[in-house]
Amino acid sequence: MREDWKYWIALSMVNGIGIVLIRNLLIKFYSVKDIFEASKKELANVEGIGSKNAEAIKSFNNWDKVDQELEKIEKWGIQLLPLNDPEYPASLLQTYNPPPLLYMKGEILSQDTLSIAIVGSRVPDRYGRSVTETLSSELVSMGVTIVSGLARGIDSIAQSEALKKGGRTIGVLGCGLDQIYPPENKKLYTAVSQNGAVISEFNLGTPPIAQNFPRRNRIISGLSLGVVVVQASEKSGSLISASFALDQNREVFAVPGEVTKKLSRGTNWLIKRGAKLVETVDDIVSEIDALRKLQTSDLFEEDRNEKILASLSKGQKEVFSVLTKDPMHIDEITKMTGIESSSLLSTLLTLELNDFVAQLPGKHFQIK
């Protein structure tokens, strides 16, 4: 646990000190500890601080609460990412008002810069579920990280599908990381933290109240190259994420829906106002340079196969490793693996159901 965490937590508890003032303070002082050790006069001379904010910093005396926060952080196995941490997500840092301090369970890797957010209704229908699963699966197969809010509905479906396909995903909460919300997503929360990260800007113990979610949504869009909205009513919080995406110069995508359905009103409204219409994953890829380059790279197929292999059992790995993009007859696969046909067909069926393998006429199989 780093020493400066204590001072970052304390600074986050000082009323009236937001991102702009924190940046000004960090320009003036070498470290956040130096901020608390500076004189009131030195603080007041920093642009935007003034005597009132200087007094608020100097009079901070809630160190017991800070120590309690640190104890909970250690108990939950949480990391802190201050604004000046080299591991702080670069894409989020480039936005207008990035959170000064992020709480994180898991880890954010350099590859997560290739991220797409998928958000939408908490009560999707079959169409919404199907589209979300397809988009998430195909993006993950390219090496894209899925970002969402770990909420019921579209968020959970997108992140669950990413995990199912051996991909990475980042969940952003509108509460403290010790407040798993919704509670039925406890297993998903754990899985996301082990295959990506769960993050929040809120102190531990912060409940999931309504006013927190717009702030959560700006992080979702800020971490992503673009935001895909799948099914949303006219007052959906997903439209807030889309609005933040526009403000942050991110791409906004929307899946069209049946005009008579309430769940289509938000997405169709976005399309009418310029959001990119999404029918397939290619509609997303074609709008983002980094994804177009990824799609044309020979390396992305190798990375995808390595991720798939890592998620398979020993027997499944033996079968998958001999398959290629070229169709292979069952007899050829049997000869190469030495596995009897009945067991081999069962394994191939499992791989097919997981969308890793495609079966062609005449008992031919190939990597999907």
Protein backbone atom coordinates (compact mmCIF):
# COMPACT_ATOMS: atom_id res chain seq x y z
CA MET A 1 0.00 0.00 0.00
CA ARG A 2 1.56 3.29 -1.11
CA GLU A 3 2.01 6.15 1.34
CA ASP A 4 0.43 8.70 -0.99
CA TRP A 5 -2.88 6.79 -0.99
CA LYS A 6 -3.57 8.21 2.46
CA TYR A 7 -3.27 11.78 1.19
CA TRP A 8 -5.23 11.13 -1.99
CA ILE A 9 -8.12 9.76 0.04
CA ALA A 10 -7.94 12.77 2.35
CA LEU A 11 -7.92 15.16 -0.61
CA SER A 12 -10.98 13.42 -2.06
CA MET A 13 -12.78 14.15 1.23
CA VAL A 14 -12.05 17.90 1.18
CA ASN A 15 -15.18 19.75 0.11
CA GLY A 16 -14.88 22.00 -2.93
CA ILE A 17 -11.67 20.49 -4.35
CA GLY A 18 -12.39 19.05 -7.79
CA ILE A 19 -10.35 17.93 -10.77
CA VAL A 20 -9.36 21.42 -12.02
CA LEU A 21 -8.09 22.55 -8.62
CA ILE A 22 -6.30 19.23 -8.01
CA ARG A 23 -4.48 19.62 -11.31
CA ASN A 24 -3.46 23.15 -10.37
CA LEU A 25 -2.21 21.92 -7.00
CA LEU A 26 -0.16 19.13 -8.60
CA ILE A 27 1.48 21.64 -10.95
CA LYS A 28 2.57 23.69 -7.94
CA PHE A 29 3.49 20.90 -5.52
CA TYR A 30 5.62 17.82 -6.14
CA SER A 31 3.27 15.36 -4.42
CA VAL A 32 -0.16 15.18 -2.84
CA LYS A 33 1.56 14.88 0.56
CA ASP A 34 3.24 18.23 -0.07
CA ILE A 35 -0.21 19.77 -0.59
CA PHE A 36 -1.19 18.95 2.99
CA GLU A 37 2.18 20.07 4.34
CA ALA A 38 2.12 23.42 2.51
CA SER A 39 1.25 26.62 4.35
CA LYS A 40 -2.14 28.25 3.96
CA LYS A 41 -0.48 31.12 2.12
CA GLU A 42 1.22 28.79 -0.36
CA LEU A 43 -2.06 27.01 -1.02
CA ALA A 44 -4.02 30.22 -1.44
CA ASN A 45 -1.58 31.43 -4.10
CA VAL A 46 -2.38 28.45 -6.34
CA GLU A 47 -4.67 29.39 -9.21
CA GLY A 48 -8.33 28.89 -8.27
CA ILE A 49 -7.67 27.83 -4.68
CA GLY A 50 -8.01 31.07 -2.71
CA SER A 51 -8.24 31.44 1.05
CA LYS A 52 -11.48 29.45 1.46
CA ASN A 53 -10.20 26.28 -0.21
CA ALA A 54 -6.79 26.71 1.41
CA GLU A 55 -8.48 26.78 4.79
CA ALA A 56 -10.52 23.66 3.91
CA ILE A 57 -7.31 21.74 3.13
CA LYS A 58 -5.38 22.98 6.17
CA SER A 59 -8.27 22.35 8.56
CA PHE A 60 -8.88 18.77 7.36
CA ASN A 61 -8.86 16.60 10.48
CA ASN A 62 -10.80 13.50 9.50
CA TRP A 63 -7.72 11.26 9.47
CA ASP A 64 -9.51 8.54 11.43
CA LYS A 65 -11.94 8.15 8.55
CA VAL A 66 -9.01 8.01 6.13
CA ASP A 67 -7.42 5.20 8.17
CA GLN A 68 -10.73 3.31 8.18
CA GLU A 69 -10.88 3.64 4.39
CA LEU A 70 -7.36 2.27 4.07
CA GLU A 71 -8.26 -0.71 6.27
CA LYS A 72 -11.27 -1.50 4.05
CA ILE A 73 -9.14 -1.12 0.93
CA GLU A 74 -6.69 -3.69 2.25
CA LYS A 75 -9.51 -6.02 3.31
CA TRP A 76 -11.13 -5.96 -0.13
CA GLY A 77 -7.85 -6.24 -2.06
CA ILE A 78 -8.43 -2.93 -3.81
CA GLN A 79 -5.87 -0.78 -5.62
CA LEU A 80 -6.01 3.01 -5.92
CA LEU A 81 -5.18 4.82 -9.14
CA PRO A 82 -4.55 8.52 -8.47
CA LEU A 83 -4.60 10.99 -11.32
CA ASN A 84 -0.79 11.15 -11.44
CA ASP A 85 -0.29 7.37 -11.41
CA PRO A 86 1.44 6.07 -14.58
CA GLU A 87 -1.12 3.22 -14.65
CA TYR A 88 -4.08 5.63 -14.77
CA PRO A 89 -6.03 4.89 -18.00
CA ALA A 90 -4.70 7.24 -20.67
CA SER A 91 -8.01 7.46 -22.53
CA LEU A 92 -9.82 8.60 -19.38
CA LEU A 93 -7.05 11.02 -18.47
CA GLN A 94 -7.57 12.80 -21.78
CA THR A 95 -11.20 13.66 -21.01
CA TYR A 96 -12.33 17.00 -19.63
CA ASN A 97 -13.05 15.91 -16.05
CA PRO A 98 -11.41 12.55 -15.23
CA PRO A 99 -11.90 11.31 -11.66
CA PRO A 100 -8.96 12.40 -9.47
CA LEU A 101 -8.93 8.99 -7.81
CA LEU A 102 -10.07 5.58 -9.03
CA TYR A 103 -10.70 2.55 -6.84
CA MET A 104 -9.89 -0.66 -8.74
CA LYS A 105 -10.26 -4.38 -8.15
CA GLY A 106 -8.38 -6.26 -10.83
CA GLU A 107 -6.08 -4.61 -13.33
CA ILE A 108 -6.23 -2.46 -16.42
CA LEU A 109 -3.73 -3.47 -19.11
CA SER A 110 -2.30 -1.58 -22.07
CA GLN A 111 -4.42 -3.71 -24.41
CA ASP A 112 -7.54 -2.26 -22.78
CA THR A 113 -7.02 0.96 -24.72
CA LEU A 114 -8.89 -0.94 -27.45
CA SER A 115 -12.22 -0.80 -25.63
CA ILE A 116 -15.82 -0.47 -26.72
CA ALA A 117 -18.66 0.24 -24.30
CA ILE A 118 -21.93 -1.64 -24.69
CA VAL A 119 -24.85 -0.30 -22.67
CA GLY A 120 -28.63 -0.41 -22.80
CA SER A 121 -31.89 -1.38 -21.17
CA ARG A 122 -32.06 -3.20 -17.86
CA VAL A 123 -35.03 -5.20 -19.19
CA PRO A 124 -34.12 -6.15 -22.78
CA ASP A 125 -36.18 -8.49 -24.89
CA ARG A 126 -34.89 -11.52 -26.81
CA TYR A 127 -33.80 -9.35 -29.73
CA GLY A 128 -31.75 -7.10 -27.47
CA ARG A 129 -30.11 -10.04 -25.74
CA SER A 130 -29.22 -11.69 -29.04
CA VAL A 131 -27.71 -8.56 -30.60
CA THR A 132 -25.71 -7.82 -27.45
CA GLU A 133 -24.29 -11.34 -27.29
CA THR A 134 -23.29 -11.24 -30.95
CA LEU A 135 -21.62 -7.82 -30.82
CA SER A 136 -19.78 -8.55 -27.58
CA SER A 137 -18.59 -11.95 -28.82
CA GLU A 138 -17.32 -10.64 -32.14
CA LEU A 139 -15.58 -7.62 -30.62
CA VAL A 140 -13.86 -9.82 -28.04
CA SER A 141 -12.72 -12.19 -30.78
CA MET A 142 -10.80 -9.23 -32.25
CA GLY A 143 -9.09 -8.50 -28.95
CA VAL A 144 -11.38 -5.64 -27.95
CA THR A 145 -12.15 -5.08 -24.26
CA ILE A 146 -15.83 -4.61 -23.37
CA VAL A 147 -16.67 -1.77 -20.99
CA SER A 148 -20.02 -1.50 -19.24
CA GLY A 149 -21.71 -0.75 -15.93
CA LEU A 150 -22.33 -4.23 -14.46
CA ALA A 151 -26.02 -3.32 -14.36
CA ARG A 152 -28.92 -5.64 -15.01
CA GLY A 153 -29.83 -6.34 -18.61
CA ILE A 154 -27.66 -5.30 -21.55
CA ASP A 155 -24.64 -4.42 -19.38
CA SER A 156 -24.52 -7.83 -17.70
CA ILE A 157 -25.18 -9.68 -20.95
CA ALA A 158 -22.35 -7.88 -22.76
CA GLN A 159 -19.87 -8.51 -19.96
CA SER A 160 -20.93 -12.11 -19.38
CA GLU A 161 -20.55 -12.86 -23.09
CA ALA A 162 -17.09 -11.26 -23.12
CA LEU A 163 -16.01 -13.54 -20.27
CA LYS A 164 -17.60 -16.58 -21.88
CA LYS A 165 -15.48 -16.01 -24.98
CA GLY A 166 -12.29 -15.64 -22.95
CA GLY A 167 -12.09 -11.87 -23.35
CA ARG A 168 -11.46 -8.94 -21.06
CA THR A 169 -14.03 -6.57 -19.64
CA ILE A 170 -14.12 -3.53 -17.36
CA GLY A 171 -17.09 -2.81 -15.10
CA VAL A 172 -17.72 0.69 -13.78
CA LEU A 173 -19.85 1.07 -10.64
CA GLY A 174 -21.96 3.97 -9.43
CA CYS A 175 -21.20 3.05 -5.81
CA GLY A 176 -18.28 1.96 -3.66
CA LEU A 177 -16.53 -1.24 -4.70
CA ASP A 178 -17.69 -2.87 -1.47
CA GLN A 179 -21.33 -2.29 -2.47
CA ILE A 180 -21.99 -4.94 -5.12
CA TYR A 181 -24.96 -3.69 -7.12
CA PRO A 182 -27.15 -5.27 -8.23
CA PRO A 183 -26.54 -7.96 -5.57
CA GLU A 184 -27.35 -10.83 -7.95
CA ASN A 185 -24.24 -9.86 -9.96
CA LYS A 186 -21.83 -10.95 -7.22
CA LYS A 187 -20.41 -13.81 -9.33
CA LEU A 188 -20.14 -11.57 -12.37
CA TYR A 189 -18.40 -8.90 -10.27
CA THR A 190 -15.81 -11.47 -9.17
CA ALA A 191 -15.31 -12.83 -12.70
CA VAL A 192 -14.86 -9.33 -14.16
CA SER A 193 -12.30 -8.42 -11.49
CA GLN A 194 -10.34 -11.58 -12.39
CA ASN A 195 -10.47 -10.98 -16.17
CA GLY A 196 -10.21 -7.22 -16.31
CA ALA A 197 -11.21 -4.75 -13.64
CA VAL A 198 -14.09 -3.34 -11.63
CA ILE A 199 -13.58 0.36 -10.94
CA SER A 200 -15.31 3.26 -9.23
CA GLU A 201 -14.52 6.84 -8.28
CA PHE A 202 -16.62 6.60 -5.11
CA ASN A 203 -15.30 5.99 -1.61
CA LEU A 204 -16.01 2.59 -0.11
CA GLY A 205 -19.41 2.45 1.53
CA THR A 206 -21.00 4.83 -1.00
CA PRO A 207 -24.48 3.48 -1.82
CA PRO A 208 -25.80 3.14 -5.40
CA ILE A 209 -27.95 6.28 -5.38
CA ALA A 210 -29.40 7.77 -8.57
CA GLN A 211 -27.17 10.86 -8.68
CA ASN A 212 -24.04 8.70 -8.90
CA PHE A 213 -24.87 7.03 -12.20
CA PRO A 214 -24.38 9.97 -14.58
CA ARG A 215 -20.89 10.34 -13.08
CA ARG A 216 -20.38 6.61 -13.57
CA ASN A 217 -21.50 6.90 -17.21
CA ARG A 218 -18.84 9.50 -18.08
CA ILE A 219 -16.18 7.00 -16.98
CA ILE A 220 -17.72 4.25 -19.13
CA SER A 221 -17.56 6.45 -22.23
CA GLY A 222 -14.19 7.95 -21.25
CA LEU A 223 -12.55 4.52 -21.13
CA SER A 224 -13.88 3.59 -24.57
CA LEU A 225 -13.24 4.34 -28.22
CA GLY A 226 -16.98 4.31 -28.76
CA VAL A 227 -20.29 3.59 -27.06
CA VAL A 228 -22.86 1.15 -28.46
CA VAL A 229 -26.43 1.53 -27.20
CA VAL A 230 -28.63 -1.56 -27.50
CA GLN A 231 -32.28 -0.93 -26.65
CA ALA A 232 -33.12 2.14 -24.60
CA SER A 233 -36.28 3.99 -23.70
CA GLU A 234 -36.58 7.75 -24.08
CA LYS A 235 -35.37 8.37 -20.50
CA SER A 236 -32.73 5.67 -20.36
CA GLY A 237 -29.44 6.33 -18.58
CA SER A 238 -27.75 4.87 -21.66
CA LEU A 239 -28.56 8.11 -23.48
CA ILE A 240 -26.50 9.92 -20.84
CA SER A 241 -23.55 7.68 -21.68
CA ALA A 242 -24.04 8.55 -25.35
CA SER A 243 -24.13 12.25 -24.50
CA PHE A 244 -20.88 12.00 -22.56
CA ALA A 245 -19.34 10.08 -25.45
CA LEU A 246 -20.09 12.96 -27.80
CA ASP A 247 -18.64 15.48 -25.34
CA GLN A 248 -15.49 13.34 -25.06
CA ASN A 249 -15.15 13.04 -28.84
CA ARG A 250 -16.00 9.34 -28.82
CA GLU A 251 -18.03 7.53 -31.47
CA VAL A 252 -21.69 6.83 -30.70
CA PHE A 253 -23.44 3.78 -32.12
CA ALA A 254 -27.03 2.60 -31.80
CA VAL A 255 -28.80 -0.61 -32.74
CA PRO A 256 -32.09 0.15 -34.51
CA GLY A 257 -35.30 -1.38 -33.22
CA GLU A 258 -38.94 -1.86 -34.12
CA VAL A 259 -40.60 1.57 -34.23
CA THR A 260 -43.63 0.49 -32.20
CA LYS A 261 -41.60 -0.69 -29.20
CA LYS A 262 -40.71 1.48 -26.21
CA LEU A 263 -37.24 -0.07 -26.04
CA SER A 264 -36.51 1.26 -29.55
CA ARG A 265 -37.32 4.91 -28.91
CA GLY A 266 -34.01 5.85 -27.36
CA THR A 267 -31.82 4.10 -29.92
CA ASN A 268 -33.87 5.27 -32.89
CA TRP A 269 -33.74 8.82 -31.49
CA LEU A 270 -29.95 8.59 -31.35
CA ILE A 271 -29.80 7.40 -34.96
CA LYS A 272 -31.97 10.29 -36.11
CA ARG A 273 -29.52 12.65 -34.43
CA GLY A 274 -26.44 11.21 -36.05
CA ALA A 275 -25.44 8.09 -34.15
CA LYS A 276 -23.99 5.38 -36.37
CA LEU A 277 -26.55 2.66 -37.12
CA VAL A 278 -25.26 -0.79 -36.13
CA GLU A 279 -26.42 -3.96 -37.85
CA THR A 280 -23.16 -5.93 -37.54
CA VAL A 281 -19.80 -5.51 -35.81
CA ASP A 282 -18.39 -4.21 -39.12
CA ASP A 283 -20.47 -1.05 -38.65
CA ILE A 284 -18.48 -0.37 -35.47
CA VAL A 285 -15.09 -1.36 -36.85
CA SER A 286 -15.46 0.78 -39.98
CA GLU A 287 -15.77 3.97 -37.91
CA ILE A 288 -12.72 3.51 -35.66
CA ASP A 289 -9.20 3.53 -37.12
CA ALA A 290 -7.67 1.47 -34.33
CA LEU A 291 -10.20 -1.31 -34.87
CA ARG A 292 -9.81 -1.26 -38.64
CA LYS A 293 -6.07 -1.78 -38.21
CA LEU A 294 -6.75 -4.56 -35.73
CA GLN A 295 -9.10 -6.30 -38.11
CA THR A 296 -6.54 -6.34 -40.92
CA SER A 297 -3.70 -7.52 -38.70
CA ASP A 298 -2.57 -11.15 -38.93
CA LEU A 299 -1.74 -11.00 -35.23
CA PHE A 300 -5.32 -10.57 -34.06
CA GLU A 301 -6.26 -14.09 -35.19
CA GLU A 302 -3.30 -15.57 -33.31
CA ASP A 303 -4.15 -13.63 -30.15
CA ARG A 304 -7.76 -14.74 -30.36
CA ASN A 305 -6.81 -18.41 -30.69
CA GLU A 306 -4.39 -18.15 -27.76
CA LYS A 307 -7.15 -16.71 -25.58
CA ILE A 308 -9.53 -19.48 -26.63
CA LEU A 309 -6.94 -22.18 -25.90
CA ALA A 310 -6.36 -20.76 -22.43
CA SER A 311 -10.06 -21.20 -21.64
CA LEU A 312 -10.34 -24.84 -22.81
CA SER A 313 -9.96 -28.17 -21.05
CA LYS A 314 -7.06 -30.47 -21.96
CA GLY A 315 -9.14 -32.57 -24.37
CA GLN A 316 -10.68 -29.52 -26.02
CA LYS A 317 -7.23 -27.97 -26.50
CA GLU A 318 -6.00 -31.12 -28.28
CA VAL A 319 -8.85 -30.86 -30.77
CA PHE A 320 -8.87 -27.09 -31.23
CA SER A 321 -5.10 -26.90 -31.77
CA VAL A 322 -5.22 -29.10 -34.89
CA LEU A 323 -8.08 -27.18 -36.54
CA THR A 324 -7.52 -24.37 -39.02
CA LYS A 325 -9.59 -22.01 -41.16
CA ASP A 326 -9.62 -24.71 -43.84
CA PRO A 327 -12.35 -27.36 -43.44
CA MET A 328 -11.12 -30.70 -42.07
CA HIS A 329 -13.01 -34.00 -42.24
CA ILE A 330 -13.76 -35.82 -38.98
CA ASP A 331 -11.56 -38.75 -40.09
CA GLU A 332 -8.57 -36.44 -40.55
CA ILE A 333 -9.11 -34.89 -37.12
CA THR A 334 -9.37 -38.38 -35.57
CA LYS A 335 -6.08 -39.39 -37.21
CA MET A 336 -4.29 -36.25 -36.00
CA THR A 337 -5.58 -36.35 -32.40
CA GLY A 338 -5.90 -40.09 -31.81
CA ILE A 339 -9.25 -39.49 -30.12
CA GLU A 340 -12.05 -41.98 -30.87
CA SER A 341 -14.85 -40.58 -33.02
CA SER A 342 -17.65 -40.59 -30.41
CA SER A 343 -15.59 -38.65 -27.90
CA LEU A 344 -14.24 -36.40 -30.65
CA LEU A 345 -17.74 -35.51 -31.89
CA SER A 346 -18.79 -34.63 -28.35
CA THR A 347 -15.79 -32.31 -27.97
CA LEU A 348 -16.40 -30.71 -31.36
CA LEU A 349 -20.04 -30.11 -30.42
CA THR A 350 -18.95 -28.33 -27.23
CA LEU A 351 -16.54 -26.14 -29.21
CA GLU A 352 -19.28 -25.43 -31.73
CA LEU A 353 -21.76 -24.42 -29.02
CA ASN A 354 -19.15 -22.02 -27.61
CA ASP A 355 -18.85 -20.45 -31.07
CA PHE A 356 -15.19 -21.46 -31.46
CA VAL A 357 -15.72 -24.00 -34.24
CA ALA A 358 -18.06 -24.22 -37.23
CA GLN A 359 -19.42 -27.50 -38.63
CA LEU A 360 -19.82 -27.74 -42.40
CA PRO A 361 -21.69 -30.32 -44.49
CA GLY A 362 -20.14 -33.79 -44.70
CA LYS A 363 -18.73 -33.73 -41.14
CA HIS A 364 -16.14 -31.10 -41.94
CA PHE A 365 -15.00 -28.68 -39.21
CA GLN A 366 -13.04 -25.45 -39.12
CA ILE A 367 -12.07 -22.67 -36.71
CA LYS A 368 -14.73 -20.00 -36.73
